């Protein structure tokens, strides 16, 4: 475990977008977007994130400002499987407003599947020392490299709440019309420690998927996320 944490930390110099592959009857497809991975850090700007999940997979994200007021940033990320093999990789642009609003545009390549373009927009409704409430909208277009799968769109969103930057909850959903598929997720977040330059969070949640002839039960997941700020 310590070797994996060290290996992931070293990779931060090179590049947390995460995707979830679910086995379908004849192909592996789809994902669960994590809007907060590209989102605003509210006041401080994230330089990077390291995430290690309960299934042994991990991800690393690097974020670099492009202008003086640090509202526009370049973002890149890479996922690692539980065998430390490269998974999805992404590059994109992120806009962060001081009031908590934000937007991102990213391109993701998923091995053995294809490519995805994703756009997100976040609107902050409450942002003070005690409460932080925001809504994120997501739109994605997939370009599978499988002949039997045409390009298709997915739409969804999430609502996120944090209390005193210490404990929070989120709920989200995505819809893919081509497969008549709906993905749902519920989650909780606990900040373990936070300094002026770094923080460590514990995330726990449940996710499920519904299709006309196939569905899953609520499946639990956990992860630790280390963030570095500048």
C-alpha atoms as a PDB file:
ATOM      1  CA  UNK A   1       0.000   0.000   0.000  1.00  0.00           C
ATOM      2  CA  UNK A   2       2.797   2.425   0.931  1.00  0.00           C
ATOM      3  CA  UNK A   3       4.590   1.559  -2.307  1.00  0.00           C
ATOM      4  CA  UNK A   4       1.454   2.419  -4.265  1.00  0.00           C
ATOM      5  CA  UNK A   5       1.037   5.772  -2.496  1.00  0.00           C
ATOM      6  CA  UNK A   6       4.681   6.600  -3.247  1.00  0.00           C
ATOM      7  CA  UNK A   7       4.329   5.589  -6.902  1.00  0.00           C
ATOM      8  CA  UNK A   8       1.171   7.682  -7.346  1.00  0.00           C
ATOM      9  CA  UNK A   9       2.811  10.678  -5.685  1.00  0.00           C
ATOM     10  CA  UNK A  10       5.770  10.501  -8.065  1.00  0.00           C
ATOM     11  CA  UNK A  11       3.397  10.500 -11.038  1.00  0.00           C
ATOM     12  CA  UNK A  12       2.049  13.903  -9.968  1.00  0.00           C
ATOM     13  CA  UNK A  13       4.936  15.553 -11.767  1.00  0.00           C
ATOM     14  CA  UNK A  14       3.502  14.226 -15.000  1.00  0.00           C
ATOM     15  CA  UNK A  15      -0.254  14.652 -14.378  1.00  0.00           C
ATOM     16  CA  UNK A  16      -7.971  12.994 -10.985  1.00  0.00           C
ATOM     17  CA  UNK A  17     -10.436  12.424 -13.514  1.00  0.00           C
ATOM     18  CA  UNK A  18     -12.027   9.103 -12.871  1.00  0.00           C
ATOM     19  CA  UNK A  19     -14.184   6.832 -14.985  1.00  0.00           C
ATOM     20  CA  UNK A  20     -16.090   3.724 -14.090  1.00  0.00           C
ATOM     21  CA  UNK A  21     -16.265   0.812 -16.503  1.00  0.00           C
ATOM     22  CA  UNK A  22     -19.245  -1.481 -16.068  1.00  0.00           C
ATOM     23  CA  UNK A  23     -19.471  -4.842 -17.770  1.00  0.00           C
ATOM     24  CA  UNK A  24     -22.321  -4.995 -20.253  1.00  0.00           C
ATOM     25  CA  UNK A  25     -23.494  -8.101 -22.134  1.00  0.00           C
ATOM     26  CA  UNK A  26     -21.201  -7.459 -25.123  1.00  0.00           C
ATOM     27  CA  UNK A  27     -18.939  -4.534 -24.254  1.00  0.00           C
ATOM     28  CA  UNK A  28     -17.385  -2.475 -21.467  1.00  0.00           C
ATOM     29  CA  UNK A  29     -18.683   1.061 -21.433  1.00  0.00           C
ATOM     30  CA  UNK A  30     -19.739   4.090 -19.558  1.00  0.00           C
ATOM     31  CA  UNK A  31     -18.617   5.943 -16.556  1.00  0.00           C
ATOM     32  CA  UNK A  32     -19.521   7.928 -13.530  1.00  0.00           C
ATOM     33  CA  UNK A  33     -18.450  11.560 -13.753  1.00  0.00           C
ATOM     34  CA  UNK A  34     -16.974  13.213 -10.696  1.00  0.00           C
ATOM     35  CA  UNK A  35     -17.629  16.878 -11.160  1.00  0.00           C
ATOM     36  CA  UNK A  36     -15.645  18.048  -8.154  1.00  0.00           C
ATOM     37  CA  UNK A  37     -12.440  16.617  -9.550  1.00  0.00           C
ATOM     38  CA  UNK A  38     -12.059  19.444 -12.037  1.00  0.00           C
ATOM     39  CA  UNK A  39     -13.945  22.030  -9.996  1.00  0.00           C
ATOM     40  CA  UNK A  40     -13.019  25.090  -8.053  1.00  0.00           C
ATOM     41  CA  UNK A  41     -11.228  24.820  -4.730  1.00  0.00           C
ATOM     42  CA  UNK A  42     -13.372  27.801  -3.664  1.00  0.00           C
ATOM     43  CA  UNK A  43     -10.597  30.114  -2.378  1.00  0.00           C
ATOM     44  CA  UNK A  44      -7.318  28.308  -2.873  1.00  0.00           C
ATOM     45  CA  UNK A  45      -6.304  26.923  -6.258  1.00  0.00           C
ATOM     46  CA  UNK A  46      -5.505  23.247  -6.504  1.00  0.00           C
ATOM     47  CA  UNK A  47      -2.090  22.317  -7.811  1.00  0.00           C
ATOM     48  CA  UNK A  48      -2.863  18.616  -7.785  1.00  0.00           C
ATOM     49  CA  UNK A  49      -4.849  15.706  -6.378  1.00  0.00           C
ATOM     50  CA  UNK A  50      -4.040  12.100  -5.565  1.00  0.00           C
ATOM     51  CA  UNK A  51      -6.937   9.666  -5.083  1.00  0.00           C
ATOM     52  CA  UNK A  52      -6.762   6.030  -3.931  1.00  0.00           C
ATOM     53  CA  UNK A  53      -9.994   3.990  -4.050  1.00  0.00           C
ATOM     54  CA  UNK A  54     -11.145   0.940  -2.127  1.00  0.00           C
ATOM     55  CA  UNK A  55     -10.865  -1.261  -5.245  1.00  0.00           C
ATOM     56  CA  UNK A  56      -7.136  -0.539  -5.463  1.00  0.00           C
ATOM     57  CA  UNK A  57      -7.342   1.881  -8.387  1.00  0.00           C
ATOM     58  CA  UNK A  58      -5.919   5.383  -8.144  1.00  0.00           C
ATOM     59  CA  UNK A  59      -5.791   8.654 -10.025  1.00  0.00           C
ATOM     60  CA  UNK A  60      -3.627  11.759 -10.209  1.00  0.00           C
ATOM     61  CA  UNK A  61      -4.533  15.263 -11.390  1.00  0.00           C
ATOM     62  CA  UNK A  62      -2.329  18.304 -12.040  1.00  0.00           C
ATOM     63  CA  UNK A  63      -3.690  21.844 -12.420  1.00  0.00           C
ATOM     64  CA  UNK A  64      -1.609  24.805 -13.601  1.00  0.00           C
ATOM     65  CA  UNK A  65      -2.804  28.455 -13.855  1.00  0.00           C
ATOM     66  CA  UNK A  66      -2.648  30.158 -17.248  1.00  0.00           C
ATOM     67  CA  UNK A  67      -3.268  33.785 -16.235  1.00  0.00           C
ATOM     68  CA  UNK A  68      -2.240  36.109 -13.414  1.00  0.00           C
ATOM     69  CA  UNK A  69      -5.498  36.019 -11.469  1.00  0.00           C
ATOM     70  CA  UNK A  70      -5.493  32.197 -11.699  1.00  0.00           C
ATOM     71  CA  UNK A  71      -9.064  31.969 -12.984  1.00  0.00           C
ATOM     72  CA  UNK A  72      -8.064  29.949 -16.070  1.00  0.00           C
ATOM     73  CA  UNK A  73      -6.069  26.742 -15.655  1.00  0.00           C
ATOM     74  CA  UNK A  74      -4.799  23.836 -17.701  1.00  0.00           C
ATOM     75  CA  UNK A  75      -5.700  20.460 -16.210  1.00  0.00           C
ATOM     76  CA  UNK A  76      -4.419  16.978 -16.914  1.00  0.00           C
ATOM     77  CA  UNK A  77      -4.955  13.633 -15.243  1.00  0.00           C
ATOM     78  CA  UNK A  78      -4.204   9.934 -15.398  1.00  0.00           C
ATOM     79  CA  UNK A  79      -5.888   6.903 -13.839  1.00  0.00           C
ATOM     80  CA  UNK A  80      -4.126   3.770 -12.649  1.00  0.00           C
ATOM     81  CA  UNK A  81      -5.673   0.309 -12.312  1.00  0.00           C
ATOM     82  CA  UNK A  82      -5.239  -1.808  -9.192  1.00  0.00           C
ATOM     83  CA  UNK A  83      -2.257  -3.376 -10.983  1.00  0.00           C
ATOM     84  CA  UNK A  84      -0.674   0.067 -11.534  1.00  0.00           C
ATOM     85  CA  UNK A  85      -1.378  -0.022 -15.271  1.00  0.00           C
ATOM     86  CA  UNK A  86      -2.347   3.184 -17.057  1.00  0.00           C
ATOM     87  CA  UNK A  87      -6.066   3.788 -17.433  1.00  0.00           C
ATOM     88  CA  UNK A  88      -7.917   6.843 -18.703  1.00  0.00           C
ATOM     89  CA  UNK A  89      -5.966  10.048 -19.336  1.00  0.00           C
ATOM     90  CA  UNK A  90      -7.390  13.549 -19.745  1.00  0.00           C
ATOM     91  CA  UNK A  91      -6.409  17.076 -20.711  1.00  0.00           C
ATOM     92  CA  UNK A  92      -8.555  20.174 -20.504  1.00  0.00           C
ATOM     93  CA  UNK A  93      -9.220  23.745 -19.432  1.00  0.00           C
ATOM     94  CA  UNK A  94     -10.865  24.903 -16.200  1.00  0.00           C
ATOM     95  CA  UNK A  95     -12.337  28.282 -15.252  1.00  0.00           C
ATOM     96  CA  UNK A  96     -12.718  29.144 -11.547  1.00  0.00           C
ATOM     97  CA  UNK A  97     -14.562  32.212 -10.254  1.00  0.00           C
ATOM     98  CA  UNK A  98     -13.773  33.578  -6.793  1.00  0.00           C
ATOM     99  CA  UNK A  99     -17.434  33.139  -5.785  1.00  0.00           C
ATOM    100  CA  UNK A 100     -17.319  29.397  -6.425  1.00  0.00           C
ATOM    101  CA  UNK A 101     -18.709  29.258  -9.964  1.00  0.00           C
ATOM    102  CA  UNK A 102     -16.737  27.354 -12.573  1.00  0.00           C
ATOM    103  CA  UNK A 103     -16.648  25.545 -15.901  1.00  0.00           C
ATOM    104  CA  UNK A 104     -14.461  22.901 -17.515  1.00  0.00           C
ATOM    105  CA  UNK A 105     -13.903  21.400 -20.941  1.00  0.00           C
ATOM    106  CA  UNK A 106     -11.882  18.191 -21.178  1.00  0.00           C
ATOM    107  CA  UNK A 107     -10.882  15.413 -23.557  1.00  0.00           C
ATOM    108  CA  UNK A 108     -10.454  11.906 -22.126  1.00  0.00           C
ATOM    109  CA  UNK A 109      -8.947   8.844 -23.780  1.00  0.00           C
ATOM    110  CA  UNK A 110     -10.068   5.503 -22.335  1.00  0.00           C
ATOM    111  CA  UNK A 111      -7.991   2.465 -23.369  1.00  0.00           C
ATOM    112  CA  UNK A 112      -9.930  -0.260 -25.195  1.00  0.00           C
ATOM    113  CA  UNK A 113     -12.972   1.994 -25.432  1.00  0.00           C
ATOM    114  CA  UNK A 114     -12.413   5.312 -27.191  1.00  0.00           C
ATOM    115  CA  UNK A 115     -12.568   9.031 -26.454  1.00  0.00           C
ATOM    116  CA  UNK A 116     -14.873  11.371 -24.583  1.00  0.00           C
ATOM    117  CA  UNK A 117     -15.457  15.127 -24.639  1.00  0.00           C
ATOM    118  CA  UNK A 118     -16.915  16.497 -21.406  1.00  0.00           C
ATOM    119  CA  UNK A 119     -18.216  19.951 -20.477  1.00  0.00           C
ATOM    120  CA  UNK A 120     -19.258  20.907 -16.951  1.00  0.00           C
ATOM    121  CA  UNK A 121     -20.639  24.050 -15.383  1.00  0.00           C
ATOM    122  CA  UNK A 122     -20.898  24.752 -11.649  1.00  0.00           C
ATOM    123  CA  UNK A 123     -23.159  27.348 -10.013  1.00  0.00           C
ATOM    124  CA  UNK A 124     -22.586  28.238  -6.371  1.00  0.00           C
ATOM    125  CA  UNK A 125     -25.780  29.131  -4.482  1.00  0.00           C
ATOM    126  CA  UNK A 126     -24.463  29.467  -0.931  1.00  0.00           C
ATOM    127  CA  UNK A 127     -20.844  30.112  -0.013  1.00  0.00           C
ATOM    128  CA  UNK A 128     -19.825  31.299   3.440  1.00  0.00           C
ATOM    129  CA  UNK A 129     -17.811  30.102   6.437  1.00  0.00           C
ATOM    130  CA  UNK A 130     -20.507  27.610   7.466  1.00  0.00           C
ATOM    131  CA  UNK A 131     -22.237  26.450   4.294  1.00  0.00           C
ATOM    132  CA  UNK A 132     -21.230  25.726   0.701  1.00  0.00           C
ATOM    133  CA  UNK A 133     -23.962  24.583  -1.701  1.00  0.00           C
ATOM    134  CA  UNK A 134     -23.433  24.190  -5.453  1.00  0.00           C
ATOM    135  CA  UNK A 135     -25.063  22.593  -8.490  1.00  0.00           C
ATOM    136  CA  UNK A 136     -23.083  21.111 -11.387  1.00  0.00           C
ATOM    137  CA  UNK A 137     -24.387  20.290 -14.873  1.00  0.00           C
ATOM    138  CA  UNK A 138     -22.543  17.778 -17.082  1.00  0.00           C
ATOM    139  CA  UNK A 139     -22.686  17.039 -20.810  1.00  0.00           C
ATOM    140  CA  UNK A 140     -20.495  14.428 -22.495  1.00  0.00           C
ATOM    141  CA  UNK A 141     -20.120  12.946 -25.965  1.00  0.00           C
ATOM    142  CA  UNK A 142     -18.477   9.567 -26.431  1.00  0.00           C
ATOM    143  CA  UNK A 143     -16.622   8.407 -29.525  1.00  0.00           C
ATOM    144  CA  UNK A 144     -16.203   4.624 -29.102  1.00  0.00           C
ATOM    145  CA  UNK A 145     -13.692   2.789 -31.255  1.00  0.00           C
ATOM    146  CA  UNK A 146     -16.016  -0.234 -31.415  1.00  0.00           C
ATOM    147  CA  UNK A 147     -17.800  -0.497 -34.799  1.00  0.00           C
ATOM    148  CA  UNK A 148     -21.083  -1.565 -33.183  1.00  0.00           C
ATOM    149  CA  UNK A 149     -21.191   1.503 -30.935  1.00  0.00           C
ATOM    150  CA  UNK A 150     -22.000   4.875 -32.555  1.00  0.00           C
ATOM    151  CA  UNK A 151     -21.038   8.224 -30.993  1.00  0.00           C
ATOM    152  CA  UNK A 152     -23.547   9.139 -28.294  1.00  0.00           C
ATOM    153  CA  UNK A 153     -24.347  11.762 -25.667  1.00  0.00           C
ATOM    154  CA  UNK A 154     -24.799  11.680 -21.901  1.00  0.00           C
ATOM    155  CA  UNK A 155     -26.301  14.383 -19.695  1.00  0.00           C
ATOM    156  CA  UNK A 156     -26.570  14.791 -15.964  1.00  0.00           C
ATOM    157  CA  UNK A 157     -25.650  16.746 -12.913  1.00  0.00           C
ATOM    158  CA  UNK A 158     -24.996  16.764  -9.205  1.00  0.00           C
ATOM    159  CA  UNK A 159     -25.702  18.785  -6.080  1.00  0.00           C
ATOM    160  CA  UNK A 160     -22.913  19.178  -3.510  1.00  0.00           C
ATOM    161  CA  UNK A 161     -23.014  20.499   0.053  1.00  0.00           C
ATOM    162  CA  UNK A 162     -20.233  21.137   2.589  1.00  0.00           C
ATOM    163  CA  UNK A 163     -20.600  22.222   6.222  1.00  0.00           C
ATOM    164  CA  UNK A 164     -17.740  24.325   7.601  1.00  0.00           C
ATOM    165  CA  UNK A 165     -15.442  22.742   4.975  1.00  0.00           C
ATOM    166  CA  UNK A 166     -15.422  19.655   7.201  1.00  0.00           C
ATOM    167  CA  UNK A 167     -18.284  17.325   6.313  1.00  0.00           C
ATOM    168  CA  UNK A 168     -20.401  17.142   3.180  1.00  0.00           C
ATOM    169  CA  UNK A 169     -22.778  15.173   0.993  1.00  0.00           C
ATOM    170  CA  UNK A 170     -23.544  14.884  -2.711  1.00  0.00           C
ATOM    171  CA  UNK A 171     -26.084  13.321  -5.066  1.00  0.00           C
ATOM    172  CA  UNK A 172     -25.789  12.936  -8.829  1.00  0.00           C
ATOM    173  CA  UNK A 173     -27.272  11.281 -11.895  1.00  0.00           C
ATOM    174  CA  UNK A 174     -26.345  10.717 -15.556  1.00  0.00           C
ATOM    175  CA  UNK A 175     -28.550   9.645 -18.482  1.00  0.00           C
ATOM    176  CA  UNK A 176     -27.385   8.018 -21.724  1.00  0.00           C
ATOM    177  CA  UNK A 177     -30.266   7.917 -24.192  1.00  0.00           C
ATOM    178  CA  UNK A 178     -28.635   5.459 -26.632  1.00  0.00           C
ATOM    179  CA  UNK A 179     -28.772   2.688 -24.016  1.00  0.00           C
ATOM    180  CA  UNK A 180     -31.769   4.059 -22.075  1.00  0.00           C
ATOM    181  CA  UNK A 181     -29.369   4.026 -19.164  1.00  0.00           C
ATOM    182  CA  UNK A 182     -29.396   5.968 -15.898  1.00  0.00           C
ATOM    183  CA  UNK A 183     -26.501   6.121 -13.441  1.00  0.00           C
ATOM    184  CA  UNK A 184     -27.026   7.327  -9.873  1.00  0.00           C
ATOM    185  CA  UNK A 185     -24.614   8.085  -7.051  1.00  0.00           C
ATOM    186  CA  UNK A 186     -24.855   9.234  -3.437  1.00  0.00           C
ATOM    187  CA  UNK A 187     -21.848  10.208  -1.393  1.00  0.00           C
ATOM    188  CA  UNK A 188     -20.437  11.681   1.776  1.00  0.00           C
ATOM    189  CA  UNK A 189     -17.164  13.503   2.416  1.00  0.00           C
ATOM    190  CA  UNK A 190     -15.123  14.018   5.585  1.00  0.00           C
ATOM    191  CA  UNK A 191     -12.090  16.276   5.793  1.00  0.00           C
ATOM    192  CA  UNK A 192      -9.411  14.581   7.897  1.00  0.00           C
ATOM    193  CA  UNK A 193      -6.959  17.464   7.978  1.00  0.00           C
ATOM    194  CA  UNK A 194      -6.408  20.747   6.180  1.00  0.00           C
ATOM    195  CA  UNK A 195      -3.551  23.244   6.146  1.00  0.00           C
ATOM    196  CA  UNK A 196      -2.858  26.331   4.050  1.00  0.00           C
ATOM    197  CA  UNK A 197      -1.166  24.177   1.408  1.00  0.00           C
ATOM    198  CA  UNK A 198      -2.727  20.697   1.579  1.00  0.00           C
ATOM    199  CA  UNK A 199      -5.701  18.621   2.702  1.00  0.00           C
ATOM    200  CA  UNK A 200      -6.752  14.985   3.084  1.00  0.00           C
ATOM    201  CA  UNK A 201     -10.366  13.877   2.577  1.00  0.00           C
ATOM    202  CA  UNK A 202     -12.226  10.593   2.981  1.00  0.00           C
ATOM    203  CA  UNK A 203     -15.074   9.897   0.556  1.00  0.00           C
ATOM    204  CA  UNK A 204     -17.714   7.157   0.891  1.00  0.00           C
ATOM    205  CA  UNK A 205     -20.669   6.526  -1.380  1.00  0.00           C
ATOM    206  CA  UNK A 206     -23.010   4.246  -3.254  1.00  0.00           C
ATOM    207  CA  UNK A 207     -23.739   3.974  -6.964  1.00  0.00           C
ATOM    208  CA  UNK A 208     -26.151   2.049  -9.154  1.00  0.00           C
ATOM    209  CA  UNK A 209     -27.129   1.722 -12.798  1.00  0.00           C
ATOM    210  CA  UNK A 210     -30.523   1.082 -14.430  1.00  0.00           C
ATOM    211  CA  UNK A 211     -31.264  -0.111 -17.977  1.00  0.00           C
ATOM    212  CA  UNK A 212     -34.488  -1.623 -19.383  1.00  0.00           C
ATOM    213  CA  UNK A 213     -33.154  -5.194 -19.207  1.00  0.00           C
ATOM    214  CA  UNK A 214     -30.218  -4.871 -16.833  1.00  0.00           C
ATOM    215  CA  UNK A 215     -29.615  -3.119 -13.529  1.00  0.00           C
ATOM    216  CA  UNK A 216     -27.289  -3.207 -10.555  1.00  0.00           C
ATOM    217  CA  UNK A 217     -27.945  -2.831  -6.856  1.00  0.00           C
ATOM    218  CA  UNK A 218     -26.435  -0.016  -4.841  1.00  0.00           C
ATOM    219  CA  UNK A 219     -22.691  -0.669  -4.719  1.00  0.00           C
ATOM    220  CA  UNK A 220     -20.471   0.947  -2.053  1.00  0.00           C
ATOM    221  CA  UNK A 221     -17.168   2.674  -2.757  1.00  0.00           C
ATOM    222  CA  UNK A 222     -14.615   4.587  -0.696  1.00  0.00           C
ATOM    223  CA  UNK A 223     -11.558   6.687  -1.476  1.00  0.00           C
ATOM    224  CA  UNK A 224      -8.931   8.918   0.114  1.00  0.00           C
ATOM    225  CA  UNK A 225      -8.067  12.148  -1.720  1.00  0.00           C
ATOM    226  CA  UNK A 226      -4.954  14.199  -1.004  1.00  0.00           C
ATOM    227  CA  UNK A 227      -4.967  17.735  -2.460  1.00  0.00           C
ATOM    228  CA  UNK A 228      -2.095  20.192  -2.805  1.00  0.00           C
ATOM    229  CA  UNK A 229      -2.687  23.947  -3.124  1.00  0.00           C
ATOM    230  CA  UNK A 230      -0.677  26.974  -4.154  1.00  0.00           C
END
